[in-house]
């Protein structure tokens, strides 16, 4: 994303210099000022150098991982990252070309005054990942500006600093997929759902088999409970006590009366 935005903006700025000042060659490059070995990173002079000096996260919009619905399932993905960039435009003009350095530095300010916002609609060649980039002129204190050039390993040059906001880094990496719950074995006739794979040989899904098995277990438990209660009633200990206290059964008395 960054590698697309800055070259496209610098290319437009070069076209602006050619149109405004009537120059034929490019007067702006995207580069470091100094190499890691301390040598000058530029092949020539009399040019404006655009350098990236900082990348910072926009913490006010810091997002957390979330879930979205996709194809009947819940998809967990990484959160978006919002970043701001800081770039510096330094006029590297040698000798008596100091006035030219100031002229092209003014051209940078004019350019971003006229076009502070870059989108896919107004900037051909800009990546689709860049929804909008806003260039804001930033004022640095003498101490901060000195620290920037010291960090780059360069002496001070006429320069202007811009803060670019706000680039969104969105990932397509899916961390996890959670299938949705569509019911417990209840599928309308003629509306079978085979999205989770083929049916078992018995014609029932795993959910249906689990549900039916649990229902059968409950029915068997209820039947066993009724049977146990009936056994307890037939073998009532109070009936046995009454029988022992009155050994003459009603049927025997009736037989004696008939014999008399």
C-alpha atoms as a PDB file:
ATOM      1  CA  UNK A   1       0.000   0.000   0.000  1.00  0.00           C
ATOM      2  CA  UNK A   2       2.716   2.484   1.005  1.00  0.00           C
ATOM      3  CA  UNK A   3       4.860   1.372  -1.915  1.00  0.00           C
ATOM      4  CA  UNK A   4       1.998   2.297  -4.269  1.00  0.00           C
ATOM      5  CA  UNK A   5       0.817   5.569  -2.712  1.00  0.00           C
ATOM      6  CA  UNK A   6       4.102   7.467  -2.488  1.00  0.00           C
ATOM      7  CA  UNK A   7       5.384   6.737  -6.047  1.00  0.00           C
ATOM      8  CA  UNK A   8       1.997   7.715  -7.521  1.00  0.00           C
ATOM      9  CA  UNK A   9       1.916  10.993  -5.572  1.00  0.00           C
ATOM     10  CA  UNK A  10       5.533  11.796  -6.489  1.00  0.00           C
ATOM     11  CA  UNK A  11       4.774  11.149 -10.162  1.00  0.00           C
ATOM     12  CA  UNK A  12       1.894  13.620 -10.071  1.00  0.00           C
ATOM     13  CA  UNK A  13       4.088  16.141  -8.279  1.00  0.00           C
ATOM     14  CA  UNK A  14       6.696  15.832 -11.044  1.00  0.00           C
ATOM     15  CA  UNK A  15       4.019  16.483 -13.651  1.00  0.00           C
ATOM     16  CA  UNK A  16       2.971  19.538 -11.649  1.00  0.00           C
ATOM     17  CA  UNK A  17       6.560  20.877 -11.595  1.00  0.00           C
ATOM     18  CA  UNK A  18       6.834  20.434 -15.361  1.00  0.00           C
ATOM     19  CA  UNK A  19       3.574  22.261 -15.928  1.00  0.00           C
ATOM     20  CA  UNK A  20       4.180  25.085 -13.444  1.00  0.00           C
ATOM     21  CA  UNK A  21       7.881  25.759 -13.984  1.00  0.00           C
ATOM     22  CA  UNK A  22       8.349  24.560 -17.558  1.00  0.00           C
ATOM     23  CA  UNK A  23      11.051  21.989 -16.724  1.00  0.00           C
ATOM     24  CA  UNK A  24      11.501  18.881 -18.848  1.00  0.00           C
ATOM     25  CA  UNK A  25      13.222  16.483 -16.490  1.00  0.00           C
ATOM     26  CA  UNK A  26      11.891  15.173 -13.224  1.00  0.00           C
ATOM     27  CA  UNK A  27      12.758  17.366 -10.259  1.00  0.00           C
ATOM     28  CA  UNK A  28      11.462  15.093  -7.520  1.00  0.00           C
ATOM     29  CA  UNK A  29      12.567  11.620  -6.488  1.00  0.00           C
ATOM     30  CA  UNK A  30      11.486   9.200  -3.784  1.00  0.00           C
ATOM     31  CA  UNK A  31      14.647   8.256  -1.934  1.00  0.00           C
ATOM     32  CA  UNK A  32      16.790   8.440   1.189  1.00  0.00           C
ATOM     33  CA  UNK A  33      19.143  11.373   1.491  1.00  0.00           C
ATOM     34  CA  UNK A  34      22.025   9.319   2.894  1.00  0.00           C
ATOM     35  CA  UNK A  35      22.949   5.666   2.430  1.00  0.00           C
ATOM     36  CA  UNK A  36      23.670   3.375   5.368  1.00  0.00           C
ATOM     37  CA  UNK A  37      27.409   3.716   4.716  1.00  0.00           C
ATOM     38  CA  UNK A  38      27.161   7.511   5.038  1.00  0.00           C
ATOM     39  CA  UNK A  39      27.437   8.318   1.336  1.00  0.00           C
ATOM     40  CA  UNK A  40      24.962  10.534  -0.505  1.00  0.00           C
ATOM     41  CA  UNK A  41      22.114   8.420  -1.843  1.00  0.00           C
ATOM     42  CA  UNK A  42      21.439  10.727  -4.813  1.00  0.00           C
ATOM     43  CA  UNK A  43      23.042  10.451  -8.225  1.00  0.00           C
ATOM     44  CA  UNK A  44      22.763  14.163  -8.971  1.00  0.00           C
ATOM     45  CA  UNK A  45      21.635  17.397  -7.370  1.00  0.00           C
ATOM     46  CA  UNK A  46      19.082  20.139  -7.925  1.00  0.00           C
ATOM     47  CA  UNK A  47      16.167  17.951  -6.987  1.00  0.00           C
ATOM     48  CA  UNK A  48      13.500  17.616  -4.326  1.00  0.00           C
ATOM     49  CA  UNK A  49      13.747  14.421  -2.294  1.00  0.00           C
ATOM     50  CA  UNK A  50      10.701  12.786  -0.726  1.00  0.00           C
ATOM     51  CA  UNK A  51      11.533  10.504   2.221  1.00  0.00           C
ATOM     52  CA  UNK A  52       9.369   8.480   4.576  1.00  0.00           C
ATOM     53  CA  UNK A  53      10.448   9.235   8.149  1.00  0.00           C
ATOM     54  CA  UNK A  54       7.742   7.659  10.298  1.00  0.00           C
ATOM     55  CA  UNK A  55       4.866   5.172  10.338  1.00  0.00           C
ATOM     56  CA  UNK A  56       2.502   5.322  13.306  1.00  0.00           C
ATOM     57  CA  UNK A  57      -0.686   3.534  14.238  1.00  0.00           C
ATOM     58  CA  UNK A  58      -3.872   5.544  14.630  1.00  0.00           C
ATOM     59  CA  UNK A  59      -4.799   4.308  18.120  1.00  0.00           C
ATOM     60  CA  UNK A  60      -8.091   6.209  18.347  1.00  0.00           C
ATOM     61  CA  UNK A  61      -9.568   3.807  15.795  1.00  0.00           C
ATOM     62  CA  UNK A  62      -7.841   0.677  17.060  1.00  0.00           C
ATOM     63  CA  UNK A  63     -10.095  -2.260  16.282  1.00  0.00           C
ATOM     64  CA  UNK A  64     -10.456  -5.670  17.855  1.00  0.00           C
ATOM     65  CA  UNK A  65     -10.957  -9.016  16.177  1.00  0.00           C
ATOM     66  CA  UNK A  66     -14.565  -9.558  15.193  1.00  0.00           C
ATOM     67  CA  UNK A  67     -16.886 -11.992  13.475  1.00  0.00           C
ATOM     68  CA  UNK A  68     -18.916 -11.574  10.327  1.00  0.00           C
ATOM     69  CA  UNK A  69     -21.579 -13.776   8.774  1.00  0.00           C
ATOM     70  CA  UNK A  70     -20.561 -15.489   5.548  1.00  0.00           C
ATOM     71  CA  UNK A  71     -22.342 -18.347   3.786  1.00  0.00           C
ATOM     72  CA  UNK A  72     -24.352 -19.388   6.818  1.00  0.00           C
ATOM     73  CA  UNK A  73     -21.284 -19.453   9.084  1.00  0.00           C
ATOM     74  CA  UNK A  74     -19.502 -16.983  11.339  1.00  0.00           C
ATOM     75  CA  UNK A  75     -16.024 -15.958  10.169  1.00  0.00           C
ATOM     76  CA  UNK A  76     -13.459 -14.641  12.644  1.00  0.00           C
ATOM     77  CA  UNK A  77     -10.804 -12.412  11.083  1.00  0.00           C
ATOM     78  CA  UNK A  78      -7.930 -10.191  12.160  1.00  0.00           C
ATOM     79  CA  UNK A  79      -8.753  -6.551  12.966  1.00  0.00           C
ATOM     80  CA  UNK A  80      -7.955  -3.731  10.549  1.00  0.00           C
ATOM     81  CA  UNK A  81      -4.912  -1.560  11.241  1.00  0.00           C
ATOM     82  CA  UNK A  82      -5.063   2.197  10.660  1.00  0.00           C
ATOM     83  CA  UNK A  83      -1.762   4.004  10.139  1.00  0.00           C
ATOM     84  CA  UNK A  84      -0.518   7.533   9.516  1.00  0.00           C
ATOM     85  CA  UNK A  85       2.657   8.322   7.587  1.00  0.00           C
ATOM     86  CA  UNK A  86       5.084  11.204   7.963  1.00  0.00           C
ATOM     87  CA  UNK A  87       7.057  12.280   4.905  1.00  0.00           C
ATOM     88  CA  UNK A  88       9.577  15.071   4.415  1.00  0.00           C
ATOM     89  CA  UNK A  89      10.291  16.933   1.171  1.00  0.00           C
ATOM     90  CA  UNK A  90      13.877  18.229   1.157  1.00  0.00           C
ATOM     91  CA  UNK A  91      15.288  20.547  -1.517  1.00  0.00           C
ATOM     92  CA  UNK A  92      18.758  19.257  -2.402  1.00  0.00           C
ATOM     93  CA  UNK A  93      20.184  22.072  -4.532  1.00  0.00           C
ATOM     94  CA  UNK A  94      23.896  22.890  -4.529  1.00  0.00           C
ATOM     95  CA  UNK A  95      25.894  26.082  -4.855  1.00  0.00           C
ATOM     96  CA  UNK A  96      24.061  29.147  -6.069  1.00  0.00           C
ATOM     97  CA  UNK A  97      20.816  27.263  -6.699  1.00  0.00           C
ATOM     98  CA  UNK A  98      19.465  27.990  -3.235  1.00  0.00           C
ATOM     99  CA  UNK A  99      16.700  30.188  -4.652  1.00  0.00           C
ATOM    100  CA  UNK A 100      15.685  27.343  -6.953  1.00  0.00           C
ATOM    101  CA  UNK A 101      15.490  25.113  -3.893  1.00  0.00           C
ATOM    102  CA  UNK A 102      13.040  27.499  -2.285  1.00  0.00           C
ATOM    103  CA  UNK A 103      11.021  27.784  -5.505  1.00  0.00           C
ATOM    104  CA  UNK A 104      10.466  24.034  -5.826  1.00  0.00           C
ATOM    105  CA  UNK A 105       9.776  23.773  -2.111  1.00  0.00           C
ATOM    106  CA  UNK A 106       7.025  26.357  -2.597  1.00  0.00           C
ATOM    107  CA  UNK A 107       5.769  24.243  -5.501  1.00  0.00           C
ATOM    108  CA  UNK A 108       5.315  21.291  -3.134  1.00  0.00           C
ATOM    109  CA  UNK A 109       3.153  23.417  -0.836  1.00  0.00           C
ATOM    110  CA  UNK A 110       1.114  24.749  -3.759  1.00  0.00           C
ATOM    111  CA  UNK A 111       0.555  21.234  -5.073  1.00  0.00           C
ATOM    112  CA  UNK A 112      -0.851  19.843  -1.830  1.00  0.00           C
ATOM    113  CA  UNK A 113      -2.844  22.996  -1.222  1.00  0.00           C
ATOM    114  CA  UNK A 114      -4.681  22.335  -4.464  1.00  0.00           C
ATOM    115  CA  UNK A 115      -4.962  18.590  -3.984  1.00  0.00           C
ATOM    116  CA  UNK A 116      -4.753  17.489  -0.351  1.00  0.00           C
ATOM    117  CA  UNK A 117      -6.889  14.351  -0.785  1.00  0.00           C
ATOM    118  CA  UNK A 118      -5.998  11.384  -3.004  1.00  0.00           C
ATOM    119  CA  UNK A 119      -8.583   8.749  -3.895  1.00  0.00           C
ATOM    120  CA  UNK A 120      -9.147   6.213  -6.651  1.00  0.00           C
ATOM    121  CA  UNK A 121     -11.498   8.662  -8.351  1.00  0.00           C
ATOM    122  CA  UNK A 122      -9.049  11.583  -8.666  1.00  0.00           C
ATOM    123  CA  UNK A 123      -5.724   9.697  -8.882  1.00  0.00           C
ATOM    124  CA  UNK A 124      -5.162   7.212 -11.729  1.00  0.00           C
ATOM    125  CA  UNK A 125      -2.889   4.343 -10.789  1.00  0.00           C
ATOM    126  CA  UNK A 126      -3.692   4.467  -7.093  1.00  0.00           C
ATOM    127  CA  UNK A 127      -4.232   1.032  -5.556  1.00  0.00           C
ATOM    128  CA  UNK A 128      -7.754  -0.084  -4.745  1.00  0.00           C
ATOM    129  CA  UNK A 129      -6.530  -0.738  -1.201  1.00  0.00           C
ATOM    130  CA  UNK A 130      -6.054   3.008  -0.695  1.00  0.00           C
ATOM    131  CA  UNK A 131      -9.532   4.298   0.004  1.00  0.00           C
ATOM    132  CA  UNK A 132      -8.391   7.837   0.826  1.00  0.00           C
ATOM    133  CA  UNK A 133      -5.102   9.523   1.734  1.00  0.00           C
ATOM    134  CA  UNK A 134      -5.086  13.054   3.161  1.00  0.00           C
ATOM    135  CA  UNK A 135      -1.891  15.181   3.191  1.00  0.00           C
ATOM    136  CA  UNK A 136      -1.716  17.625   6.106  1.00  0.00           C
ATOM    137  CA  UNK A 137       1.080  20.176   6.425  1.00  0.00           C
ATOM    138  CA  UNK A 138       2.847  19.582   9.750  1.00  0.00           C
ATOM    139  CA  UNK A 139       4.900  22.084  11.735  1.00  0.00           C
ATOM    140  CA  UNK A 140       7.911  20.722  13.628  1.00  0.00           C
ATOM    141  CA  UNK A 141       9.875  22.546  16.290  1.00  0.00           C
ATOM    142  CA  UNK A 142      13.573  23.301  15.696  1.00  0.00           C
ATOM    143  CA  UNK A 143      14.456  20.490  18.048  1.00  0.00           C
ATOM    144  CA  UNK A 144      12.233  17.946  16.286  1.00  0.00           C
ATOM    145  CA  UNK A 145      13.355  19.032  12.811  1.00  0.00           C
ATOM    146  CA  UNK A 146      16.988  18.748  13.868  1.00  0.00           C
ATOM    147  CA  UNK A 147      16.287  15.259  15.220  1.00  0.00           C
ATOM    148  CA  UNK A 148      14.753  14.203  11.897  1.00  0.00           C
ATOM    149  CA  UNK A 149      17.798  15.249   9.859  1.00  0.00           C
ATOM    150  CA  UNK A 150      20.122  13.742  12.423  1.00  0.00           C
ATOM    151  CA  UNK A 151      18.169  10.492  12.178  1.00  0.00           C
ATOM    152  CA  UNK A 152      18.559  10.556   8.377  1.00  0.00           C
ATOM    153  CA  UNK A 153      22.292  11.282   8.749  1.00  0.00           C
ATOM    154  CA  UNK A 154      22.111  14.532   6.811  1.00  0.00           C
ATOM    155  CA  UNK A 155      22.790  18.213   7.322  1.00  0.00           C
ATOM    156  CA  UNK A 156      19.791  20.493   7.368  1.00  0.00           C
ATOM    157  CA  UNK A 157      18.116  21.247   4.027  1.00  0.00           C
ATOM    158  CA  UNK A 158      15.153  23.502   3.215  1.00  0.00           C
ATOM    159  CA  UNK A 159      12.242  21.179   3.764  1.00  0.00           C
ATOM    160  CA  UNK A 160       8.563  20.773   4.469  1.00  0.00           C
ATOM    161  CA  UNK A 161       6.883  17.952   6.419  1.00  0.00           C
ATOM    162  CA  UNK A 162       3.513  16.357   5.671  1.00  0.00           C
ATOM    163  CA  UNK A 163       1.467  13.896   7.661  1.00  0.00           C
ATOM    164  CA  UNK A 164      -0.534  11.422   5.581  1.00  0.00           C
ATOM    165  CA  UNK A 165      -3.671  10.034   7.079  1.00  0.00           C
ATOM    166  CA  UNK A 166      -5.169   7.531   7.091  1.00  0.00           C
ATOM    167  CA  UNK A 167      -4.280   4.223   5.464  1.00  0.00           C
ATOM    168  CA  UNK A 168      -6.274   1.115   6.334  1.00  0.00           C
ATOM    169  CA  UNK A 169      -4.538  -2.232   6.314  1.00  0.00           C
ATOM    170  CA  UNK A 170      -7.283  -4.858   6.018  1.00  0.00           C
ATOM    171  CA  UNK A 171      -6.394  -8.533   5.906  1.00  0.00           C
ATOM    172  CA  UNK A 172      -8.209 -11.345   4.135  1.00  0.00           C
ATOM    173  CA  UNK A 173      -6.724 -13.952   6.468  1.00  0.00           C
ATOM    174  CA  UNK A 174      -9.481 -15.886   8.233  1.00  0.00           C
ATOM    175  CA  UNK A 175      -8.547 -17.079  11.714  1.00  0.00           C
ATOM    176  CA  UNK A 176     -11.496 -19.410  12.292  1.00  0.00           C
ATOM    177  CA  UNK A 177     -14.862 -20.432  10.858  1.00  0.00           C
ATOM    178  CA  UNK A 178     -17.710 -21.252  13.223  1.00  0.00           C
ATOM    179  CA  UNK A 179     -20.674 -23.091  11.604  1.00  0.00           C
ATOM    180  CA  UNK A 180     -24.099 -21.746  12.408  1.00  0.00           C
ATOM    181  CA  UNK A 181     -26.787 -23.755  14.252  1.00  0.00           C
ATOM    182  CA  UNK A 182     -29.718 -24.376  11.912  1.00  0.00           C
ATOM    183  CA  UNK A 183     -31.881 -26.632  14.139  1.00  0.00           C
ATOM    184  CA  UNK A 184     -31.958 -30.045  15.820  1.00  0.00           C
ATOM    185  CA  UNK A 185     -32.877 -32.571  13.176  1.00  0.00           C
ATOM    186  CA  UNK A 186     -35.926 -30.653  11.968  1.00  0.00           C
ATOM    187  CA  UNK A 187     -35.805 -30.185   8.230  1.00  0.00           C
ATOM    188  CA  UNK A 188     -38.984 -29.457   6.241  1.00  0.00           C
ATOM    189  CA  UNK A 189     -39.835 -32.107   3.683  1.00  0.00           C
ATOM    190  CA  UNK A 190     -38.452 -31.263   0.268  1.00  0.00           C
ATOM    191  CA  UNK A 191     -36.048 -28.695   1.764  1.00  0.00           C
ATOM    192  CA  UNK A 192     -33.166 -30.931   2.830  1.00  0.00           C
ATOM    193  CA  UNK A 193     -29.871 -29.232   3.547  1.00  0.00           C
ATOM    194  CA  UNK A 194     -26.812 -31.240   2.505  1.00  0.00           C
ATOM    195  CA  UNK A 195     -24.349 -28.373   2.959  1.00  0.00           C
ATOM    196  CA  UNK A 196     -22.649 -30.176   5.826  1.00  0.00           C
ATOM    197  CA  UNK A 197     -21.986 -33.310   3.768  1.00  0.00           C
ATOM    198  CA  UNK A 198     -23.870 -36.446   2.708  1.00  0.00           C
ATOM    199  CA  UNK A 199     -26.504 -38.037   4.894  1.00  0.00           C
ATOM    200  CA  UNK A 200     -25.627 -41.214   6.849  1.00  0.00           C
ATOM    201  CA  UNK A 201     -26.798 -44.568   5.461  1.00  0.00           C
ATOM    202  CA  UNK A 202     -29.917 -44.514   7.673  1.00  0.00           C
ATOM    203  CA  UNK A 203     -31.134 -41.313   6.061  1.00  0.00           C
ATOM    204  CA  UNK A 204     -30.719 -39.232   9.250  1.00  0.00           C
ATOM    205  CA  UNK A 205     -28.218 -36.558  10.040  1.00  0.00           C
ATOM    206  CA  UNK A 206     -25.941 -36.800  13.060  1.00  0.00           C
ATOM    207  CA  UNK A 207     -28.071 -34.212  14.862  1.00  0.00           C
ATOM    208  CA  UNK A 208     -31.237 -36.201  14.158  1.00  0.00           C
ATOM    209  CA  UNK A 209     -29.691 -39.434  15.427  1.00  0.00           C
ATOM    210  CA  UNK A 210     -28.501 -37.758  18.622  1.00  0.00           C
ATOM    211  CA  UNK A 211     -31.910 -36.208  19.213  1.00  0.00           C
ATOM    212  CA  UNK A 212     -33.805 -39.476  18.616  1.00  0.00           C
ATOM    213  CA  UNK A 213     -31.402 -41.435  20.811  1.00  0.00           C
ATOM    214  CA  UNK A 214     -31.873 -39.004  23.677  1.00  0.00           C
ATOM    215  CA  UNK A 215     -35.651 -39.083  23.275  1.00  0.00           C
ATOM    216  CA  UNK A 216     -35.639 -42.916  23.360  1.00  0.00           C
ATOM    217  CA  UNK A 217     -33.530 -42.876  26.528  1.00  0.00           C
ATOM    218  CA  UNK A 218     -36.031 -40.554  28.245  1.00  0.00           C
ATOM    219  CA  UNK A 219     -38.995 -42.750  27.226  1.00  0.00           C
ATOM    220  CA  UNK A 220     -37.294 -45.878  28.577  1.00  0.00           C
ATOM    221  CA  UNK A 221     -36.513 -44.127  31.842  1.00  0.00           C
ATOM    222  CA  UNK A 222     -40.156 -43.076  32.234  1.00  0.00           C
ATOM    223  CA  UNK A 223     -41.398 -46.617  31.530  1.00  0.00           C
ATOM    224  CA  UNK A 224     -38.993 -48.052  34.095  1.00  0.00           C
ATOM    225  CA  UNK A 225     -40.184 -45.536  36.666  1.00  0.00           C
ATOM    226  CA  UNK A 226     -43.851 -46.536  36.104  1.00  0.00           C
ATOM    227  CA  UNK A 227     -42.975 -50.257  36.396  1.00  0.00           C
ATOM    228  CA  UNK A 228     -41.111 -49.718  39.652  1.00  0.00           C
ATOM    229  CA  UNK A 229     -44.046 -47.808  41.118  1.00  0.00           C
ATOM    230  CA  UNK A 230     -46.450 -50.647  40.174  1.00  0.00           C
ATOM    231  CA  UNK A 231     -44.219 -53.234  41.851  1.00  0.00           C
ATOM    232  CA  UNK A 232     -44.195 -51.204  45.018  1.00  0.00           C
ATOM    233  CA  UNK A 233     -48.025 -51.019  45.054  1.00  0.00           C
ATOM    234  CA  UNK A 234     -48.458 -54.800  44.498  1.00  0.00           C
ATOM    235  CA  UNK A 235     -46.010 -55.561  47.307  1.00  0.00           C
ATOM    236  CA  UNK A 236     -47.471 -53.136  49.864  1.00  0.00           C
ATOM    237  CA  UNK A 237     -46.093 -53.990  53.344  1.00  0.00           C
ATOM    238  CA  UNK A 238     -49.259 -52.656  55.010  1.00  0.00           C
ATOM    239  CA  UNK A 239     -51.354 -55.274  53.169  1.00  0.00           C
ATOM    240  CA  UNK A 240     -49.077 -58.037  54.478  1.00  0.00           C
ATOM    241  CA  UNK A 241     -49.503 -56.778  58.064  1.00  0.00           C
ATOM    242  CA  UNK A 242     -53.296 -56.724  57.793  1.00  0.00           C
ATOM    243  CA  UNK A 243     -53.319 -60.256  56.369  1.00  0.00           C
ATOM    244  CA  UNK A 244     -51.264 -61.579  59.278  1.00  0.00           C
ATOM    245  CA  UNK A 245     -53.502 -59.900  61.850  1.00  0.00           C
ATOM    246  CA  UNK A 246     -56.705 -61.376  60.261  1.00  0.00           C
ATOM    247  CA  UNK A 247     -55.839 -64.848  58.925  1.00  0.00           C
ATOM    248  CA  UNK A 248     -59.543 -65.506  57.986  1.00  0.00           C
ATOM    249  CA  UNK A 249     -59.898 -64.364  54.416  1.00  0.00           C
ATOM    250  CA  UNK A 250     -63.340 -63.198  53.246  1.00  0.00           C
ATOM    251  CA  UNK A 251     -63.550 -66.093  50.819  1.00  0.00           C
ATOM    252  CA  UNK A 252     -63.125 -68.706  53.589  1.00  0.00           C
ATOM    253  CA  UNK A 253     -66.007 -67.314  55.726  1.00  0.00           C
ATOM    254  CA  UNK A 254     -68.313 -67.528  52.791  1.00  0.00           C
ATOM    255  CA  UNK A 255     -67.454 -71.205  52.282  1.00  0.00           C
ATOM    256  CA  UNK A 256     -68.282 -72.051  55.969  1.00  0.00           C
ATOM    257  CA  UNK A 257     -71.664 -70.368  55.694  1.00  0.00           C
ATOM    258  CA  UNK A 258     -72.498 -72.441  52.646  1.00  0.00           C
ATOM    259  CA  UNK A 259     -71.640 -75.696  54.470  1.00  0.00           C
ATOM    260  CA  UNK A 260     -73.912 -74.768  57.409  1.00  0.00           C
END
